[in-house]
N, C-alpha and C. Protein backbone atom coordinates (compact mmCIF):
# COMPACT_ATOMS: atom_id res chain seq x y z
N MET A 1 22.35 29.65 67.30
CA MET A 1 23.60 29.03 67.63
C MET A 1 24.73 29.75 66.94
N ARG A 2 25.25 30.62 67.65
CA ARG A 2 26.31 31.39 67.08
C ARG A 2 27.64 30.86 67.55
N ARG A 3 28.58 30.82 66.61
CA ARG A 3 29.91 30.40 67.01
C ARG A 3 30.62 31.60 67.61
N PRO A 4 31.29 31.42 68.69
CA PRO A 4 31.89 32.56 69.38
C PRO A 4 33.03 33.23 68.62
N ASP A 5 33.73 32.52 67.78
CA ASP A 5 34.88 33.11 67.10
C ASP A 5 34.50 33.84 65.81
N VAL A 6 33.19 33.78 65.38
CA VAL A 6 32.76 34.40 64.14
C VAL A 6 31.79 35.52 64.48
N PRO A 7 32.01 36.70 63.93
CA PRO A 7 31.06 37.80 64.17
C PRO A 7 29.68 37.46 63.57
N PRO A 8 28.57 38.08 64.05
CA PRO A 8 27.21 37.71 63.62
C PRO A 8 26.97 37.88 62.11
N TYR A 9 27.51 38.90 61.52
CA TYR A 9 27.24 39.10 60.09
C TYR A 9 27.95 38.05 59.24
N GLU A 10 29.06 37.49 59.65
CA GLU A 10 29.74 36.45 58.90
C GLU A 10 29.10 35.08 59.11
N PHE A 11 28.41 34.88 60.23
CA PHE A 11 27.78 33.61 60.54
C PHE A 11 26.71 33.27 59.50
N GLU A 12 25.92 34.26 59.08
CA GLU A 12 24.88 34.03 58.09
C GLU A 12 25.47 33.68 56.74
N ALA A 13 26.64 34.22 56.42
CA ALA A 13 27.27 33.92 55.15
C ALA A 13 27.80 32.49 55.12
N LEU A 14 28.22 31.97 56.28
CA LEU A 14 28.76 30.62 56.33
C LEU A 14 27.68 29.55 56.21
N ASP A 15 26.55 29.73 56.85
CA ASP A 15 25.51 28.71 56.88
C ASP A 15 24.14 29.36 56.71
N PRO A 16 23.68 29.58 55.46
CA PRO A 16 22.42 30.29 55.26
C PRO A 16 21.22 29.48 55.71
N LEU A 17 21.28 28.16 55.73
CA LEU A 17 20.14 27.35 56.13
C LEU A 17 19.93 27.32 57.65
N ALA A 18 20.93 27.73 58.38
CA ALA A 18 20.80 27.71 59.84
C ALA A 18 19.73 28.69 60.29
N TRP A 19 19.52 29.78 59.58
CA TRP A 19 18.55 30.80 59.98
C TRP A 19 17.28 30.77 59.13
N THR A 20 17.15 29.80 58.18
CA THR A 20 16.00 29.73 57.28
C THR A 20 14.85 29.00 57.97
N PRO A 21 13.67 29.57 58.00
CA PRO A 21 12.51 28.89 58.59
C PRO A 21 12.10 27.67 57.75
N ARG A 22 11.39 26.74 58.39
CA ARG A 22 11.01 25.49 57.74
C ARG A 22 10.08 25.71 56.54
N ARG A 23 9.17 26.66 56.65
CA ARG A 23 8.25 26.87 55.53
C ARG A 23 9.00 27.29 54.27
N PHE A 24 10.08 28.05 54.41
CA PHE A 24 10.87 28.43 53.25
C PHE A 24 11.61 27.22 52.69
N LEU A 25 12.08 26.35 53.58
CA LEU A 25 12.74 25.12 53.12
C LEU A 25 11.76 24.22 52.37
N ARG A 26 10.51 24.14 52.89
CA ARG A 26 9.49 23.33 52.24
C ARG A 26 9.15 23.90 50.86
N ARG A 27 9.01 25.20 50.77
CA ARG A 27 8.72 25.85 49.48
C ARG A 27 9.87 25.62 48.50
N HIS A 28 11.08 25.71 49.01
CA HIS A 28 12.25 25.48 48.18
C HIS A 28 12.24 24.04 47.65
N ALA A 29 11.93 23.07 48.48
CA ALA A 29 11.89 21.67 48.06
C ALA A 29 10.77 21.44 47.04
N GLU A 30 9.60 22.06 47.27
CA GLU A 30 8.48 21.92 46.33
C GLU A 30 8.84 22.54 44.98
N ARG A 31 9.48 23.70 45.02
CA ARG A 31 9.88 24.36 43.79
C ARG A 31 10.88 23.50 43.02
N ASN A 32 11.83 22.89 43.73
CA ASN A 32 12.79 22.00 43.07
C ASN A 32 12.10 20.79 42.48
N ALA A 33 11.11 20.23 43.18
CA ALA A 33 10.37 19.08 42.67
C ALA A 33 9.60 19.45 41.41
N ARG A 34 8.96 20.63 41.41
CA ARG A 34 8.25 21.10 40.21
C ARG A 34 9.21 21.29 39.05
N ARG A 35 10.37 21.83 39.33
CA ARG A 35 11.36 22.03 38.28
C ARG A 35 11.81 20.69 37.70
N ARG A 36 12.03 19.71 38.58
CA ARG A 36 12.43 18.38 38.10
C ARG A 36 11.34 17.77 37.21
N ARG A 37 10.07 17.88 37.65
CA ARG A 37 8.96 17.36 36.85
C ARG A 37 8.88 18.08 35.50
N LEU A 38 9.05 19.39 35.53
CA LEU A 38 9.00 20.17 34.30
C LEU A 38 10.15 19.76 33.37
N ARG A 39 11.35 19.57 33.93
CA ARG A 39 12.48 19.14 33.13
C ARG A 39 12.23 17.77 32.51
N ARG A 40 11.66 16.85 33.29
CA ARG A 40 11.34 15.51 32.77
C ARG A 40 10.31 15.61 31.65
N LEU A 41 9.29 16.43 31.87
CA LEU A 41 8.23 16.61 30.88
C LEU A 41 8.79 17.21 29.59
N LEU A 42 9.63 18.23 29.73
CA LEU A 42 10.24 18.83 28.55
C LEU A 42 11.15 17.85 27.82
N THR A 43 11.91 17.06 28.58
CA THR A 43 12.78 16.06 27.98
C THR A 43 11.96 15.01 27.24
N LEU A 44 10.87 14.56 27.85
CA LEU A 44 9.99 13.58 27.21
C LEU A 44 9.36 14.17 25.94
N GLY A 45 8.90 15.42 26.03
CA GLY A 45 8.32 16.07 24.85
C GLY A 45 9.33 16.20 23.72
N LEU A 46 10.54 16.59 24.06
CA LEU A 46 11.59 16.71 23.05
C LEU A 46 11.90 15.35 22.44
N ALA A 47 11.95 14.31 23.28
CA ALA A 47 12.21 12.96 22.76
C ALA A 47 11.08 12.51 21.84
N LEU A 48 9.83 12.83 22.19
CA LEU A 48 8.70 12.47 21.33
C LEU A 48 8.76 13.20 20.00
N ILE A 49 9.08 14.48 20.04
CA ILE A 49 9.17 15.26 18.80
C ILE A 49 10.30 14.71 17.92
N LEU A 50 11.44 14.42 18.51
CA LEU A 50 12.55 13.87 17.74
C LEU A 50 12.21 12.48 17.21
N GLY A 51 11.54 11.67 18.02
CA GLY A 51 11.12 10.33 17.57
C GLY A 51 10.13 10.42 16.43
N PHE A 52 9.18 11.34 16.53
CA PHE A 52 8.23 11.55 15.45
C PHE A 52 8.96 11.98 14.17
N GLY A 53 9.88 12.89 14.32
CA GLY A 53 10.65 13.34 13.16
C GLY A 53 11.47 12.22 12.55
N PHE A 54 12.04 11.39 13.39
CA PHE A 54 12.86 10.29 12.91
C PHE A 54 12.02 9.24 12.20
N LEU A 55 10.83 8.95 12.74
CA LEU A 55 10.01 7.88 12.17
C LEU A 55 9.07 8.34 11.06
N LEU A 56 8.31 9.40 11.30
CA LEU A 56 7.19 9.70 10.43
C LEU A 56 7.34 10.93 9.54
N ALA A 57 8.24 11.79 9.83
CA ALA A 57 8.35 13.03 9.04
C ALA A 57 8.88 12.71 7.64
N ASP A 58 8.78 13.68 6.76
CA ASP A 58 9.27 13.52 5.40
C ASP A 58 10.77 13.24 5.45
N GLY A 59 11.19 12.14 4.87
CA GLY A 59 12.59 11.74 4.94
C GLY A 59 12.89 10.90 6.17
N GLY A 60 11.87 10.56 6.94
CA GLY A 60 12.05 9.74 8.13
C GLY A 60 12.15 8.26 7.76
N LEU A 61 12.21 7.43 8.77
CA LEU A 61 12.41 6.00 8.59
C LEU A 61 11.27 5.38 7.79
N VAL A 62 10.04 5.77 8.07
CA VAL A 62 8.89 5.18 7.38
C VAL A 62 8.94 5.53 5.89
N SER A 63 9.22 6.77 5.57
CA SER A 63 9.27 7.15 4.16
C SER A 63 10.46 6.50 3.45
N ILE A 64 11.54 6.29 4.15
CA ILE A 64 12.70 5.61 3.56
C ILE A 64 12.33 4.16 3.24
N LEU A 65 11.68 3.48 4.18
CA LEU A 65 11.28 2.09 3.94
C LEU A 65 10.24 2.00 2.83
N ALA A 66 9.30 2.94 2.79
CA ALA A 66 8.31 2.95 1.71
C ALA A 66 8.98 3.19 0.37
N GLY A 67 9.97 4.05 0.33
CA GLY A 67 10.71 4.29 -0.91
C GLY A 67 11.46 3.06 -1.37
N ARG A 68 12.07 2.34 -0.44
CA ARG A 68 12.78 1.11 -0.81
C ARG A 68 11.81 0.07 -1.36
N TRP A 69 10.64 -0.05 -0.73
CA TRP A 69 9.63 -0.99 -1.20
C TRP A 69 9.18 -0.62 -2.61
N ARG A 70 8.97 0.66 -2.85
CA ARG A 70 8.53 1.14 -4.17
C ARG A 70 9.62 0.85 -5.21
N ILE A 71 10.88 1.02 -4.83
CA ILE A 71 11.98 0.73 -5.76
C ILE A 71 11.98 -0.75 -6.14
N ARG A 72 11.78 -1.63 -5.14
CA ARG A 72 11.74 -3.07 -5.43
C ARG A 72 10.59 -3.41 -6.38
N CYS A 73 9.43 -2.80 -6.14
CA CYS A 73 8.28 -3.05 -7.02
C CYS A 73 8.57 -2.58 -8.44
N LEU A 74 9.16 -1.41 -8.57
CA LEU A 74 9.47 -0.89 -9.89
C LEU A 74 10.54 -1.73 -10.59
N GLU A 75 11.51 -2.25 -9.84
CA GLU A 75 12.53 -3.11 -10.44
C GLU A 75 11.90 -4.39 -10.98
N ARG A 76 10.95 -4.97 -10.21
CA ARG A 76 10.25 -6.17 -10.70
C ARG A 76 9.45 -5.85 -11.95
N GLU A 77 8.80 -4.70 -11.97
CA GLU A 77 8.02 -4.30 -13.14
C GLU A 77 8.92 -4.09 -14.35
N VAL A 78 10.08 -3.48 -14.14
CA VAL A 78 11.03 -3.27 -15.24
C VAL A 78 11.50 -4.62 -15.79
N ALA A 79 11.79 -5.57 -14.89
CA ALA A 79 12.24 -6.90 -15.34
C ALA A 79 11.15 -7.58 -16.17
N ALA A 80 9.90 -7.48 -15.72
CA ALA A 80 8.79 -8.09 -16.47
C ALA A 80 8.64 -7.42 -17.84
N LEU A 81 8.75 -6.11 -17.88
CA LEU A 81 8.63 -5.40 -19.16
C LEU A 81 9.78 -5.72 -20.11
N GLU A 82 10.98 -5.89 -19.55
CA GLU A 82 12.12 -6.24 -20.39
C GLU A 82 11.96 -7.63 -20.98
N SER A 83 11.45 -8.58 -20.19
CA SER A 83 11.23 -9.93 -20.73
C SER A 83 10.13 -9.90 -21.79
N ARG A 84 9.09 -9.10 -21.59
CA ARG A 84 8.04 -8.97 -22.61
C ARG A 84 8.61 -8.34 -23.88
N GLN A 85 9.49 -7.38 -23.72
CA GLN A 85 10.10 -6.74 -24.89
C GLN A 85 10.94 -7.76 -25.67
N GLN A 86 11.68 -8.59 -24.96
CA GLN A 86 12.48 -9.63 -25.64
C GLN A 86 11.56 -10.59 -26.39
N TRP A 87 10.47 -10.98 -25.77
CA TRP A 87 9.51 -11.89 -26.41
C TRP A 87 8.94 -11.24 -27.68
N LEU A 88 8.59 -9.95 -27.57
CA LEU A 88 8.04 -9.24 -28.73
C LEU A 88 9.07 -9.14 -29.85
N HIS A 89 10.33 -8.93 -29.51
CA HIS A 89 11.36 -8.88 -30.55
C HIS A 89 11.50 -10.23 -31.24
N ARG A 90 11.44 -11.33 -30.47
CA ARG A 90 11.50 -12.67 -31.08
C ARG A 90 10.30 -12.90 -31.99
N GLU A 91 9.11 -12.51 -31.52
CA GLU A 91 7.89 -12.65 -32.34
C GLU A 91 8.01 -11.85 -33.63
N LEU A 92 8.53 -10.65 -33.53
CA LEU A 92 8.70 -9.81 -34.72
C LEU A 92 9.63 -10.47 -35.73
N GLU A 93 10.73 -11.02 -35.23
CA GLU A 93 11.67 -11.70 -36.13
C GLU A 93 11.02 -12.91 -36.79
N LEU A 94 10.23 -13.67 -36.01
CA LEU A 94 9.54 -14.83 -36.57
C LEU A 94 8.52 -14.41 -37.62
N ARG A 95 7.78 -13.38 -37.34
CA ARG A 95 6.70 -12.96 -38.24
C ARG A 95 7.25 -12.32 -39.51
N GLN A 96 8.37 -11.65 -39.43
CA GLN A 96 8.90 -10.99 -40.61
C GLN A 96 9.52 -11.98 -41.60
N GLY A 97 10.10 -13.05 -41.09
CA GLY A 97 10.82 -13.95 -41.98
C GLY A 97 10.05 -15.19 -42.37
N ASP A 98 8.92 -15.50 -41.78
CA ASP A 98 8.25 -16.76 -42.01
C ASP A 98 6.90 -16.51 -42.69
N SER A 99 6.75 -16.99 -43.92
CA SER A 99 5.49 -16.76 -44.64
C SER A 99 4.36 -17.59 -44.05
N ALA A 100 4.66 -18.75 -43.47
CA ALA A 100 3.61 -19.57 -42.86
C ALA A 100 3.02 -18.85 -41.64
N THR A 101 3.87 -18.20 -40.88
CA THR A 101 3.38 -17.44 -39.72
C THR A 101 2.54 -16.27 -40.16
N ILE A 102 2.95 -15.61 -41.22
CA ILE A 102 2.18 -14.47 -41.73
C ILE A 102 0.81 -14.95 -42.20
N GLU A 103 0.79 -16.09 -42.91
CA GLU A 103 -0.49 -16.63 -43.39
C GLU A 103 -1.39 -17.04 -42.21
N ARG A 104 -0.81 -17.70 -41.22
CA ARG A 104 -1.59 -18.12 -40.05
C ARG A 104 -2.20 -16.91 -39.34
N LEU A 105 -1.41 -15.85 -39.14
CA LEU A 105 -1.93 -14.65 -38.48
C LEU A 105 -3.02 -13.98 -39.32
N ALA A 106 -2.84 -13.97 -40.64
CA ALA A 106 -3.85 -13.37 -41.51
C ALA A 106 -5.16 -14.14 -41.41
N ARG A 107 -5.09 -15.46 -41.33
CA ARG A 107 -6.30 -16.27 -41.22
C ARG A 107 -6.95 -16.12 -39.85
N GLU A 108 -6.14 -16.22 -38.77
CA GLU A 108 -6.70 -16.24 -37.41
C GLU A 108 -7.16 -14.86 -36.94
N GLU A 109 -6.35 -13.86 -37.16
CA GLU A 109 -6.65 -12.55 -36.58
C GLU A 109 -7.50 -11.67 -37.48
N TYR A 110 -7.33 -11.83 -38.81
CA TYR A 110 -8.04 -10.93 -39.71
C TYR A 110 -9.12 -11.63 -40.52
N GLY A 111 -9.26 -12.95 -40.36
CA GLY A 111 -10.32 -13.68 -41.06
C GLY A 111 -10.14 -13.76 -42.56
N MET A 112 -8.94 -13.69 -43.04
CA MET A 112 -8.67 -13.72 -44.48
C MET A 112 -8.69 -15.18 -44.97
N VAL A 113 -9.16 -15.38 -46.20
CA VAL A 113 -9.20 -16.71 -46.81
C VAL A 113 -8.66 -16.62 -48.22
N ARG A 114 -8.26 -17.77 -48.74
CA ARG A 114 -7.81 -17.83 -50.13
C ARG A 114 -9.04 -17.98 -51.01
N PRO A 115 -8.91 -17.61 -52.24
CA PRO A 115 -10.06 -17.77 -53.14
C PRO A 115 -10.50 -19.23 -53.22
N GLY A 116 -11.82 -19.45 -53.10
CA GLY A 116 -12.40 -20.79 -53.18
C GLY A 116 -12.49 -21.49 -51.83
N GLU A 117 -11.96 -20.95 -50.78
CA GLU A 117 -12.05 -21.58 -49.45
C GLU A 117 -13.31 -21.11 -48.74
N ARG A 118 -13.80 -21.96 -47.83
CA ARG A 118 -14.95 -21.59 -47.00
C ARG A 118 -14.47 -21.45 -45.56
N VAL A 119 -15.10 -20.51 -44.86
CA VAL A 119 -14.76 -20.27 -43.45
C VAL A 119 -15.84 -20.90 -42.59
N VAL A 120 -15.44 -21.72 -41.64
CA VAL A 120 -16.36 -22.33 -40.68
C VAL A 120 -15.97 -21.80 -39.31
N ARG A 121 -16.92 -21.14 -38.67
CA ARG A 121 -16.64 -20.60 -37.33
C ARG A 121 -17.40 -21.42 -36.31
N ILE A 122 -16.74 -21.75 -35.25
CA ILE A 122 -17.36 -22.48 -34.14
C ILE A 122 -17.51 -21.50 -33.00
N LEU A 123 -18.74 -21.29 -32.59
CA LEU A 123 -19.02 -20.34 -31.53
C LEU A 123 -19.28 -21.07 -30.23
N GLU A 124 -18.81 -20.52 -29.16
CA GLU A 124 -19.11 -21.08 -27.85
C GLU A 124 -20.37 -20.42 -27.34
N VAL A 125 -21.26 -21.27 -26.79
CA VAL A 125 -22.54 -20.78 -26.30
C VAL A 125 -22.63 -21.15 -24.83
N SER A 126 -23.17 -20.25 -24.03
CA SER A 126 -23.32 -20.54 -22.61
C SER A 126 -24.40 -21.60 -22.41
N GLU A 127 -24.42 -22.23 -21.26
CA GLU A 127 -25.40 -23.28 -20.98
C GLU A 127 -26.82 -22.73 -21.02
N GLU A 128 -27.00 -21.55 -20.49
CA GLU A 128 -28.33 -20.94 -20.49
C GLU A 128 -28.82 -20.70 -21.92
N GLU A 129 -27.95 -20.19 -22.77
CA GLU A 129 -28.31 -19.95 -24.16
C GLU A 129 -28.61 -21.27 -24.87
N ALA A 130 -27.81 -22.31 -24.59
CA ALA A 130 -28.04 -23.62 -25.20
C ALA A 130 -29.41 -24.17 -24.79
N ARG A 131 -29.78 -24.04 -23.51
CA ARG A 131 -31.10 -24.50 -23.05
C ARG A 131 -32.22 -23.75 -23.76
N ARG A 132 -32.04 -22.44 -23.91
CA ARG A 132 -33.06 -21.63 -24.56
C ARG A 132 -33.24 -22.04 -26.02
N VAL A 133 -32.13 -22.26 -26.72
CA VAL A 133 -32.20 -22.68 -28.13
C VAL A 133 -32.84 -24.05 -28.24
N GLU A 134 -32.47 -24.97 -27.35
CA GLU A 134 -33.05 -26.32 -27.38
C GLU A 134 -34.54 -26.29 -27.11
N ALA A 135 -34.96 -25.46 -26.16
CA ALA A 135 -36.40 -25.33 -25.88
C ALA A 135 -37.13 -24.75 -27.07
N ALA A 136 -36.53 -23.81 -27.77
CA ALA A 136 -37.15 -23.23 -28.96
C ALA A 136 -37.28 -24.27 -30.08
N ARG A 137 -36.27 -25.12 -30.23
CA ARG A 137 -36.34 -26.18 -31.24
C ARG A 137 -37.46 -27.17 -30.93
N ARG A 138 -37.56 -27.58 -29.64
CA ARG A 138 -38.63 -28.51 -29.25
C ARG A 138 -40.00 -27.89 -29.49
N ALA A 139 -40.12 -26.61 -29.15
CA ALA A 139 -41.40 -25.94 -29.33
C ALA A 139 -41.75 -25.83 -30.81
N ALA A 140 -40.77 -25.68 -31.66
CA ALA A 140 -41.03 -25.59 -33.10
C ALA A 140 -41.47 -26.93 -33.67
N ARG A 141 -40.96 -28.04 -33.14
CA ARG A 141 -41.32 -29.37 -33.62
C ARG A 141 -42.70 -29.80 -33.15
N LEU A 142 -43.04 -29.49 -31.91
CA LEU A 142 -44.32 -29.92 -31.35
C LEU A 142 -45.22 -28.72 -31.16
N PRO A 143 -46.24 -28.54 -31.98
CA PRO A 143 -47.12 -27.39 -31.79
C PRO A 143 -47.97 -27.53 -30.54
N VAL A 144 -48.33 -26.42 -29.95
CA VAL A 144 -49.11 -26.38 -28.71
C VAL A 144 -50.55 -26.02 -29.06
N ASP A 145 -51.54 -26.74 -28.46
CA ASP A 145 -52.96 -26.44 -28.65
C ASP A 145 -53.27 -25.15 -27.90
N ALA A 146 -53.91 -24.21 -28.54
CA ALA A 146 -54.16 -22.91 -27.94
C ALA A 146 -55.22 -22.97 -26.87
N THR A 147 -56.12 -23.95 -26.91
CA THR A 147 -57.22 -23.96 -25.94
C THR A 147 -56.81 -24.58 -24.61
N ASN A 148 -56.08 -25.70 -24.63
CA ASN A 148 -55.75 -26.35 -23.35
C ASN A 148 -54.27 -26.27 -23.01
N HIS A 149 -53.51 -25.64 -23.81
CA HIS A 149 -52.06 -25.44 -23.59
C HIS A 149 -51.32 -26.76 -23.38
N SER A 150 -51.77 -27.79 -24.01
CA SER A 150 -51.06 -29.07 -23.90
C SER A 150 -50.47 -29.40 -25.26
N ARG A 151 -49.48 -30.23 -25.28
CA ARG A 151 -48.83 -30.62 -26.53
C ARG A 151 -49.61 -31.79 -27.15
N ARG A 152 -49.65 -31.86 -28.48
CA ARG A 152 -50.37 -32.94 -29.15
C ARG A 152 -49.53 -34.17 -29.25
């Protein structure tokens, strides 16, 4: 379909698809579709890489949140240690100035006694040990006949 007022060589320049066969148009459309898919895939890959970097990489969101959590834990630990330090300072002041406290600590922690005093220690015994000791006492009081293994 040539326009009568346009020479043949200019007609192709005006409308290049008018003379293009269908198979070339189909290939062109397929190539454009592949390019679009490739562009989408590359965009998705880039978004995944950036998302990974934002969330999981060193200095990412996860490491920032973990650092904040660690800071909170350390602040709590510092507060606990400071309160223990204050308690220890109060104890030190009490122990340095009070002779009764010094005497009590010497008796309780180091087992010191004054001349002429006796020390009585009370030991805690487990139930199993108490049963064993009680059975040994009973056996010592009641002798066992060696021939019939019965008590007299």
